[in-house]
Amino acid sequence: MKKIIYGLIILLAVLHHDWWWWDDSDTLVFGFVPIGLAYHAGISLAAGFLWTLVVIYCWPTELDDVQPVSPQASNNGGHA
C-alpha cells in the first residue's frame, strides 16, 4: 500500500502544475469559478484525502510509543 501512496503523491505533484488550463480564462465552472481555480480546488481536496491515507497507512507506529514522564523527572527538568 505504501508504494501506491508514494506513487499517488508523485502523481499529485505532477498534476499540480496544470499548464493545460493556463491560458483558458473564459471557461467557468458553476457559472462563476474560473476553470484553473476549480482545478486547484480539486487538487487541494485530493491532497487532503491523500494525506489522510498517508497517516492511516504510512505513519510510523514507533512514533506513537511514548513513555510517560515520572513526576520526579519533571520536577528537576528531566535530569537524573
Protein backbone atom coordinates (compact mmCIF):
# COMPACT_ATOMS: atom_id res chain seq x y z
CA MET A 1 0.00 0.00 0.00
CA LYS A 2 2.89 2.35 0.73
CA LYS A 3 4.18 2.13 -2.85
CA ILE A 4 0.74 3.03 -4.19
CA ILE A 5 0.50 6.04 -1.87
CA TYR A 6 4.01 7.17 -2.80
CA GLY A 7 3.04 6.90 -6.46
CA LEU A 8 -0.10 8.96 -5.81
CA ILE A 9 1.98 11.66 -4.12
CA ILE A 10 4.24 11.88 -7.18
CA LEU A 11 1.21 11.91 -9.49
CA LEU A 12 -0.42 14.68 -7.47
CA ALA A 13 2.78 16.73 -7.58
CA VAL A 14 2.91 16.39 -11.38
CA LEU A 15 -0.80 17.16 -11.82
CA HIS A 16 -0.45 20.24 -9.63
CA HIS A 17 1.35 22.02 -12.49
CA ASP A 18 -1.61 22.49 -14.81
CA TRP A 19 -0.24 24.11 -17.93
CA TRP A 20 -3.32 22.94 -19.89
CA TRP A 21 -5.66 25.43 -18.13
CA TRP A 22 -3.11 28.25 -18.00
CA ASP A 23 -4.46 30.36 -20.90
CA ASP A 24 -8.15 29.47 -20.50
CA SER A 25 -9.82 32.39 -18.72
CA ASP A 26 -13.21 32.05 -20.43
CA THR A 27 -14.33 28.64 -19.14
CA LEU A 28 -16.31 28.89 -15.91
CA VAL A 29 -17.33 26.08 -13.56
CA PHE A 30 -20.77 26.51 -11.93
CA GLY A 31 -21.07 29.70 -13.93
CA PHE A 32 -18.66 31.79 -11.84
CA VAL A 33 -15.48 29.88 -10.91
CA PRO A 34 -12.62 30.00 -13.44
CA ILE A 35 -11.55 26.53 -14.56
CA GLY A 36 -8.00 26.92 -13.23
CA LEU A 37 -9.24 27.87 -9.77
CA ALA A 38 -11.71 24.98 -9.74
CA TYR A 39 -8.92 22.63 -10.80
CA HIS A 40 -6.70 23.77 -7.94
CA ALA A 41 -9.58 23.44 -5.51
CA GLY A 42 -9.93 19.83 -6.67
CA ILE A 43 -6.18 19.27 -6.31
CA SER A 44 -6.36 20.66 -2.76
CA LEU A 45 -9.20 18.30 -1.84
CA ALA A 46 -7.28 15.39 -3.37
CA ALA A 47 -4.18 16.35 -1.38
CA GLY A 48 -6.18 16.40 1.85
CA PHE A 49 -7.59 12.96 1.09
CA LEU A 50 -4.16 11.64 0.12
CA TRP A 51 -2.55 12.88 3.34
CA THR A 52 -5.33 11.17 5.27
CA LEU A 53 -4.31 7.92 3.54
CA VAL A 54 -0.66 8.65 4.39
CA VAL A 55 -1.49 8.98 8.08
CA ILE A 56 -3.60 5.82 8.08
CA TYR A 57 -1.27 3.55 6.09
CA CYS A 58 2.24 5.04 6.23
CA TRP A 59 2.58 6.64 9.66
CA PRO A 60 5.47 5.07 11.61
CA THR A 61 3.96 3.28 14.61
CA GLU A 62 7.10 3.70 16.73
CA LEU A 63 6.36 7.44 16.95
CA ASP A 64 3.21 6.63 18.91
CA ASP A 65 5.09 4.68 21.61
CA VAL A 66 5.64 7.49 24.11
CA GLN A 67 6.70 6.65 27.65
CA PRO A 68 5.14 8.78 30.41
CA VAL A 69 7.50 11.07 32.32
CA SER A 70 7.71 10.43 36.05
CA PRO A 71 6.79 13.35 38.36
CA GLN A 72 10.30 13.35 39.87
CA ALA A 73 11.92 13.74 36.45
CA SER A 74 9.61 16.61 35.57
CA ASN A 75 10.48 18.49 38.79
CA ASN A 76 14.20 18.66 38.10
CA GLY A 77 13.90 19.46 34.42
CA GLY A 78 14.21 15.86 33.27
CA HIS A 79 17.77 15.40 34.57
CA ALA A 80 18.57 12.44 36.81
